[in-house]
N, C-alpha and C. Protein backbone atom coordinates (compact mmCIF):
# COMPACT_ATOMS: atom_id res chain seq x y z
N MET A 1 0.85 -1.06 0.12
CA MET A 1 -0.02 -0.04 0.12
C MET A 1 0.95 1.16 -0.04
N GLY A 2 0.41 2.21 -0.78
CA GLY A 2 1.16 3.56 -0.78
C GLY A 2 0.76 4.38 0.44
N ARG A 3 1.67 5.31 0.76
CA ARG A 3 1.42 6.28 1.94
C ARG A 3 0.48 7.34 1.42
N GLN A 4 -0.36 7.57 2.23
CA GLN A 4 -1.33 8.86 2.03
C GLN A 4 -0.56 10.13 2.35
N VAL A 5 -0.39 11.10 1.37
CA VAL A 5 0.12 12.25 1.63
C VAL A 5 -0.96 13.28 2.08
N LYS A 6 -0.55 13.80 3.11
CA LYS A 6 -1.54 14.89 3.75
C LYS A 6 -1.22 16.15 3.11
N THR A 7 -2.40 16.89 3.13
CA THR A 7 -2.41 18.42 2.66
C THR A 7 -1.84 19.33 3.64
N ASP A 8 -1.54 20.49 3.14
CA ASP A 8 -1.16 21.49 4.24
C ASP A 8 -2.25 21.83 5.14
N GLU A 9 -3.47 21.71 4.68
CA GLU A 9 -4.73 21.95 5.68
C GLU A 9 -4.80 20.90 6.60
N GLU A 10 -4.46 19.60 6.31
CA GLU A 10 -4.43 18.46 7.20
C GLU A 10 -3.27 18.67 8.33
N LEU A 11 -2.04 19.17 7.77
CA LEU A 11 -0.92 19.11 8.64
C LEU A 11 -1.02 20.33 9.58
N HIS A 12 -1.79 21.36 9.22
CA HIS A 12 -1.82 22.68 9.99
C HIS A 12 -3.25 23.22 9.94
N PRO A 13 -4.13 22.52 10.59
CA PRO A 13 -5.48 23.01 10.58
C PRO A 13 -5.59 24.39 11.06
N GLU A 14 -4.86 24.82 12.16
CA GLU A 14 -4.78 26.09 12.74
C GLU A 14 -4.62 26.96 11.69
N TRP A 15 -3.94 26.95 10.55
CA TRP A 15 -3.73 28.03 9.62
C TRP A 15 -4.83 28.26 8.64
N TRP A 16 -5.73 27.33 8.58
CA TRP A 16 -7.01 27.52 7.65
C TRP A 16 -8.23 27.75 8.54
N PHE A 17 -8.91 28.47 7.87
CA PHE A 17 -10.27 28.86 8.55
C PHE A 17 -11.46 28.44 7.59
N ASN A 18 -11.95 27.47 7.80
CA ASN A 18 -13.08 26.95 6.94
C ASN A 18 -14.46 27.15 7.78
N SER A 19 -14.34 27.41 8.98
CA SER A 19 -15.52 27.27 9.92
C SER A 19 -15.04 27.60 11.44
N PRO A 20 -15.70 28.25 12.13
CA PRO A 20 -15.38 28.66 13.50
C PRO A 20 -15.20 27.45 14.41
N ALA A 21 -15.96 26.26 14.00
CA ALA A 21 -15.87 25.23 14.74
C ALA A 21 -14.39 24.56 14.85
N GLY A 22 -14.07 24.22 16.00
CA GLY A 22 -12.75 23.50 16.17
C GLY A 22 -11.50 24.39 16.34
N HIS A 23 -11.68 25.73 16.23
CA HIS A 23 -10.56 26.49 16.44
C HIS A 23 -10.44 27.02 17.87
N ILE A 24 -9.21 27.18 18.23
CA ILE A 24 -8.96 27.70 19.63
C ILE A 24 -9.61 29.11 19.80
N ARG A 25 -10.30 29.33 20.90
CA ARG A 25 -10.73 30.62 21.09
C ARG A 25 -10.01 31.52 22.15
N ASP A 26 -10.09 32.74 21.89
CA ASP A 26 -9.33 33.67 22.86
C ASP A 26 -10.45 34.62 23.45
N ARG A 27 -10.16 35.03 24.74
CA ARG A 27 -11.07 36.11 25.14
C ARG A 27 -10.40 37.43 25.22
N ILE A 28 -11.02 38.42 24.57
CA ILE A 28 -10.63 39.76 24.37
C ILE A 28 -11.64 40.86 24.76
N ILE A 29 -11.12 42.03 24.96
CA ILE A 29 -12.03 43.15 25.26
C ILE A 29 -11.55 44.27 24.13
N ILE A 30 -12.47 44.62 23.22
CA ILE A 30 -12.06 45.58 22.11
C ILE A 30 -12.36 47.01 22.84
N HIS A 31 -11.49 47.99 22.52
CA HIS A 31 -11.58 49.21 23.04
C HIS A 31 -12.43 50.14 22.25
N ASP A 32 -13.11 50.90 22.75
CA ASP A 32 -13.94 51.91 22.04
C ASP A 32 -13.23 52.79 21.24
N SER A 33 -13.40 53.32 20.06
CA SER A 33 -12.63 54.30 19.37
C SER A 33 -13.80 54.93 18.53
N PRO A 34 -13.47 56.10 17.97
CA PRO A 34 -14.39 56.71 17.03
C PRO A 34 -14.53 56.05 15.57
N GLU A 35 -13.74 55.21 15.40
CA GLU A 35 -13.85 54.35 14.19
C GLU A 35 -14.82 53.08 14.19
N ILE A 36 -15.25 52.81 15.58
CA ILE A 36 -16.08 51.70 15.69
C ILE A 36 -17.54 52.11 16.11
N PRO A 37 -18.48 51.91 15.31
CA PRO A 37 -19.92 52.19 15.59
C PRO A 37 -20.29 51.75 17.11
N LYS A 38 -21.28 52.68 17.64
CA LYS A 38 -21.80 52.28 18.95
C LYS A 38 -22.35 50.93 18.89
N GLU A 39 -22.84 50.26 17.99
CA GLU A 39 -23.40 48.84 17.92
C GLU A 39 -22.30 47.78 18.24
N GLY A 40 -21.03 48.32 18.07
CA GLY A 40 -19.89 47.35 17.90
C GLY A 40 -19.38 47.17 16.57
N LEU A 41 -18.32 46.24 16.58
CA LEU A 41 -17.64 45.98 15.24
C LEU A 41 -18.25 44.70 14.62
N PHE A 42 -18.52 44.79 13.44
CA PHE A 42 -18.90 43.85 12.55
C PHE A 42 -17.82 43.12 11.74
N LEU A 43 -17.42 41.83 11.89
CA LEU A 43 -16.19 41.33 11.11
C LEU A 43 -16.83 40.17 10.45
N SER A 44 -15.93 39.69 9.31
CA SER A 44 -16.37 38.43 8.51
C SER A 44 -14.96 37.86 8.12
N LEU A 45 -14.80 36.56 8.40
CA LEU A 45 -13.66 35.91 8.03
C LEU A 45 -14.20 34.75 7.13
N ASN A 46 -13.72 34.75 5.93
CA ASN A 46 -14.15 33.69 4.90
C ASN A 46 -15.69 33.39 4.93
N GLY A 47 -16.53 34.34 4.94
CA GLY A 47 -17.83 34.35 4.91
C GLY A 47 -18.50 34.02 6.38
N TYR A 48 -17.86 33.82 7.52
CA TYR A 48 -18.40 33.60 8.69
C TYR A 48 -18.36 35.10 9.39
N PRO A 49 -19.57 35.56 9.86
CA PRO A 49 -19.75 36.87 10.45
C PRO A 49 -19.48 36.82 12.03
N PHE A 50 -19.04 37.84 12.59
CA PHE A 50 -18.81 37.96 14.06
C PHE A 50 -19.11 39.41 14.44
N HIS A 51 -19.88 39.47 15.55
CA HIS A 51 -20.19 40.68 16.10
C HIS A 51 -19.30 40.84 17.37
N ALA A 52 -18.69 42.03 17.43
CA ALA A 52 -17.73 42.31 18.39
C ALA A 52 -18.08 43.50 19.20
N PRO A 53 -18.94 43.55 20.34
CA PRO A 53 -19.26 44.75 21.00
C PRO A 53 -17.91 45.17 21.61
N THR A 54 -17.99 46.73 21.80
CA THR A 54 -16.83 47.17 22.61
C THR A 54 -17.01 47.33 24.11
N GLY A 55 -15.92 47.22 24.80
CA GLY A 55 -15.93 47.28 26.22
C GLY A 55 -16.30 46.03 27.17
N VAL A 56 -16.74 44.98 26.43
CA VAL A 56 -17.07 43.66 27.14
C VAL A 56 -16.13 42.42 26.67
N GLU A 57 -16.06 41.59 27.72
CA GLU A 57 -15.17 40.47 27.30
C GLU A 57 -16.14 39.50 26.18
N ILE A 58 -15.33 39.18 25.21
CA ILE A 58 -15.97 38.32 24.07
C ILE A 58 -15.04 37.17 23.81
N ASP A 59 -15.37 36.12 23.56
CA ASP A 59 -14.73 34.87 23.11
C ASP A 59 -14.64 34.80 21.51
N ILE A 60 -13.45 34.80 20.71
CA ILE A 60 -13.57 34.76 19.24
C ILE A 60 -12.47 33.72 19.07
N PRO A 61 -12.69 33.15 17.86
CA PRO A 61 -11.76 32.08 17.38
C PRO A 61 -10.40 32.87 17.20
N ARG A 62 -9.26 32.17 17.47
CA ARG A 62 -7.91 32.82 17.33
C ARG A 62 -7.75 33.38 15.89
N PRO A 63 -8.12 32.66 14.79
CA PRO A 63 -7.84 33.49 13.52
C PRO A 63 -8.58 34.67 13.18
N VAL A 64 -9.74 34.90 13.85
CA VAL A 64 -10.40 36.30 13.75
C VAL A 64 -9.56 37.18 14.67
N ARG A 65 -9.06 36.83 15.87
CA ARG A 65 -8.18 37.77 16.59
C ARG A 65 -6.98 38.15 15.93
N LYS A 66 -6.44 37.21 15.31
CA LYS A 66 -5.10 37.52 14.42
C LYS A 66 -5.44 38.41 13.37
N MET A 67 -6.80 38.27 12.67
CA MET A 67 -7.20 39.18 11.56
C MET A 67 -7.27 40.54 12.07
N LEU A 68 -7.68 40.85 13.34
CA LEU A 68 -7.80 42.31 13.78
C LEU A 68 -6.30 42.77 13.88
N ASP A 69 -5.34 42.01 14.12
CA ASP A 69 -3.91 42.59 14.02
C ASP A 69 -3.43 43.07 12.71
N THR A 70 -4.16 42.61 11.68
CA THR A 70 -3.79 43.01 10.33
C THR A 70 -4.54 44.14 9.78
N LEU A 71 -5.63 44.77 10.53
CA LEU A 71 -6.39 45.80 10.27
C LEU A 71 -5.75 47.14 10.70
N ILE A 72 -5.04 47.63 9.66
CA ILE A 72 -4.37 48.95 9.94
C ILE A 72 -4.70 50.13 9.07
N ARG A 73 -4.65 51.32 9.60
CA ARG A 73 -4.60 52.50 8.71
C ARG A 73 -3.38 53.24 8.71
N THR A 74 -2.86 53.85 7.49
CA THR A 74 -1.66 54.68 7.56
C THR A 74 -1.92 56.17 7.73
N GLU A 75 -1.26 56.81 8.63
CA GLU A 75 -1.39 58.08 8.93
C GLU A 75 0.00 59.05 8.62
N THR A 76 -0.21 60.07 8.03
CA THR A 76 0.79 60.90 7.60
C THR A 76 0.99 62.01 8.78
N ILE A 77 2.11 62.21 9.31
CA ILE A 77 2.26 63.23 10.31
C ILE A 77 3.26 64.33 9.91
N ARG A 78 2.82 65.62 9.98
CA ARG A 78 3.65 66.81 9.54
C ARG A 78 3.84 67.51 10.76
N VAL A 79 5.23 67.80 10.71
CA VAL A 79 5.75 68.44 11.92
C VAL A 79 6.73 69.53 11.37
N GLU A 80 6.68 70.76 12.09
CA GLU A 80 7.55 71.84 11.72
C GLU A 80 8.89 71.49 11.87
N ASP A 81 9.78 71.95 10.93
CA ASP A 81 11.16 71.59 11.13
C ASP A 81 11.90 72.55 11.85
N GLY A 82 11.39 73.71 12.11
CA GLY A 82 11.98 74.73 12.80
C GLY A 82 12.76 75.77 11.93
N LYS A 83 12.62 75.52 10.81
CA LYS A 83 13.20 76.45 9.75
C LYS A 83 12.12 77.15 8.80
N GLY A 84 10.83 76.94 9.22
CA GLY A 84 9.74 77.46 8.43
C GLY A 84 9.03 76.46 7.62
N GLY A 85 9.62 75.35 7.45
CA GLY A 85 9.02 74.32 6.74
C GLY A 85 8.36 73.23 7.45
N TYR A 86 8.07 72.13 6.83
CA TYR A 86 7.42 71.10 7.37
C TYR A 86 8.26 69.70 6.97
N THR A 87 8.28 68.88 7.82
CA THR A 87 8.69 67.47 7.47
C THR A 87 7.49 66.47 7.80
N SER A 88 7.45 65.57 6.86
CA SER A 88 6.35 64.60 7.22
C SER A 88 6.92 63.02 7.28
N HIS A 89 6.18 62.36 7.94
CA HIS A 89 6.55 60.91 7.96
C HIS A 89 5.27 60.06 8.05
N VAL A 90 5.28 58.83 7.72
CA VAL A 90 4.02 57.92 7.59
C VAL A 90 4.20 56.87 8.58
N ARG A 91 3.20 56.47 9.20
CA ARG A 91 3.28 55.34 10.25
C ARG A 91 1.81 54.58 10.08
N ASP A 92 1.97 53.40 10.49
CA ASP A 92 0.82 52.45 10.52
C ASP A 92 0.21 52.37 11.66
N ILE A 93 -1.07 52.47 11.90
CA ILE A 93 -1.72 52.42 13.18
C ILE A 93 -2.76 51.30 13.13
N ARG A 94 -3.02 50.56 14.16
CA ARG A 94 -4.14 49.61 14.36
C ARG A 94 -5.35 50.16 14.24
N ARG A 95 -6.29 49.60 13.56
CA ARG A 95 -7.63 50.25 13.39
C ARG A 95 -8.51 49.87 14.55
N VAL A 96 -8.15 48.56 15.18
CA VAL A 96 -8.87 47.98 16.45
C VAL A 96 -7.95 47.73 17.48
N ASN A 97 -8.01 48.34 18.66
CA ASN A 97 -7.25 48.14 19.76
C ASN A 97 -7.98 47.16 20.64
N TYR A 98 -7.28 46.22 21.21
CA TYR A 98 -8.06 45.35 22.14
C TYR A 98 -7.08 44.71 23.35
N THR A 99 -7.61 44.27 24.28
CA THR A 99 -6.81 43.81 25.45
C THR A 99 -7.08 42.23 25.32
N LEU A 100 -6.05 41.41 25.29
CA LEU A 100 -6.12 39.98 25.42
C LEU A 100 -6.35 39.49 26.72
N VAL A 101 -7.52 39.17 27.27
CA VAL A 101 -7.81 38.64 28.47
C VAL A 101 -7.13 37.26 28.80
N LYS A 102 -7.49 36.36 27.90
CA LYS A 102 -7.08 34.96 28.10
C LYS A 102 -6.94 34.32 26.78
N GLU A 103 -5.98 33.44 26.52
CA GLU A 103 -5.77 32.78 25.37
C GLU A 103 -6.22 31.25 25.65
N ASP A 104 -6.65 30.76 24.63
CA ASP A 104 -7.20 29.35 24.73
C ASP A 104 -8.19 29.04 25.82
N ILE A 105 -9.25 29.74 25.77
CA ILE A 105 -10.24 29.47 26.64
C ILE A 105 -10.96 28.22 26.57
N ASN A 106 -10.70 27.44 25.45
CA ASN A 106 -11.24 26.19 25.30
C ASN A 106 -10.64 25.02 26.45
N ALA A 107 -9.40 25.35 26.86
CA ALA A 107 -8.77 24.70 27.74
C ALA A 107 -9.27 24.86 29.26
N LEU A 108 -10.06 25.97 29.50
CA LEU A 108 -10.70 26.25 30.81
C LEU A 108 -11.66 25.10 31.06
N PRO A 109 -11.66 24.62 32.45
CA PRO A 109 -12.67 23.69 32.87
C PRO A 109 -14.00 24.36 32.80
N PRO A 110 -15.21 23.52 32.57
CA PRO A 110 -16.39 24.20 32.66
C PRO A 110 -16.75 24.65 33.95
N PRO A 111 -17.77 25.73 34.10
CA PRO A 111 -17.87 26.41 35.30
C PRO A 111 -18.43 25.32 36.43
N GLU A 112 -19.11 24.39 36.24
CA GLU A 112 -19.51 23.56 37.21
C GLU A 112 -18.29 22.62 37.79
N ALA A 113 -17.38 22.29 37.01
CA ALA A 113 -16.19 21.85 37.49
C ALA A 113 -15.24 22.76 38.39
N ILE A 114 -15.22 24.11 37.95
CA ILE A 114 -14.64 25.06 38.97
C ILE A 114 -15.50 25.06 40.26
N ASP A 115 -16.74 25.32 40.08
CA ASP A 115 -17.57 25.19 41.25
C ASP A 115 -17.39 24.10 42.28
N LYS A 116 -17.31 22.98 41.71
CA LYS A 116 -16.97 21.67 42.52
C LYS A 116 -15.61 21.80 43.28
N THR A 117 -14.64 22.15 42.42
CA THR A 117 -13.28 22.26 43.04
C THR A 117 -13.31 23.23 44.23
N ALA A 118 -13.85 24.43 44.01
CA ALA A 118 -13.93 25.49 44.98
C ALA A 118 -14.48 24.99 46.27
N SER A 119 -15.68 24.27 46.05
CA SER A 119 -16.38 23.87 47.17
C SER A 119 -15.61 22.73 48.05
N SER A 120 -14.84 21.90 47.23
CA SER A 120 -14.12 20.91 48.07
C SER A 120 -12.79 21.33 48.70
N VAL A 121 -12.43 22.62 48.44
CA VAL A 121 -11.35 23.17 49.08
C VAL A 121 -11.68 24.21 49.97
N ALA A 122 -13.11 24.63 50.06
CA ALA A 122 -13.39 25.71 50.94
C ALA A 122 -13.32 25.17 52.42
N PRO A 123 -12.78 25.99 53.42
CA PRO A 123 -12.90 25.60 54.82
C PRO A 123 -14.10 25.37 55.34
N GLN A 124 -14.19 24.30 56.04
CA GLN A 124 -15.50 23.74 56.78
C GLN A 124 -16.01 24.60 57.85
N GLN A 125 -17.30 24.87 57.85
CA GLN A 125 -17.90 25.79 58.88
C GLN A 125 -18.10 25.02 60.24
N GLY A 126 -18.06 25.68 61.28
CA GLY A 126 -18.35 25.02 62.62
C GLY A 126 -17.06 24.55 63.38
N GLY A 127 -17.22 23.74 64.34
CA GLY A 127 -15.99 23.28 64.87
C GLY A 127 -16.09 23.11 66.37
């Protein structure tokens, strides 16, 4: 029998986004900015839509979070040169600023498991 050759997608599924299912999720808080509508940010990756309100913790697939890092705008800054003229320089700025609260929240135990563990180590009342 011949060996089955795996595709790049089979070897590195984390690099491919064909669906949100099965991807590691990260918890973030998107910061409010004048560029984001009050309803929040609406994103789409490979046809899968995501709503990301600002100021609250949300869980999104890691490829979507990584996509946020690629959303930039270019800004030209003009500064007086001290001789009556101006110099200018260009810089790239992120369009969406966020705080990473927790990576790989899939690895967190379910809330009932946390409650059970907490109650088993809680000090006993009475005595």
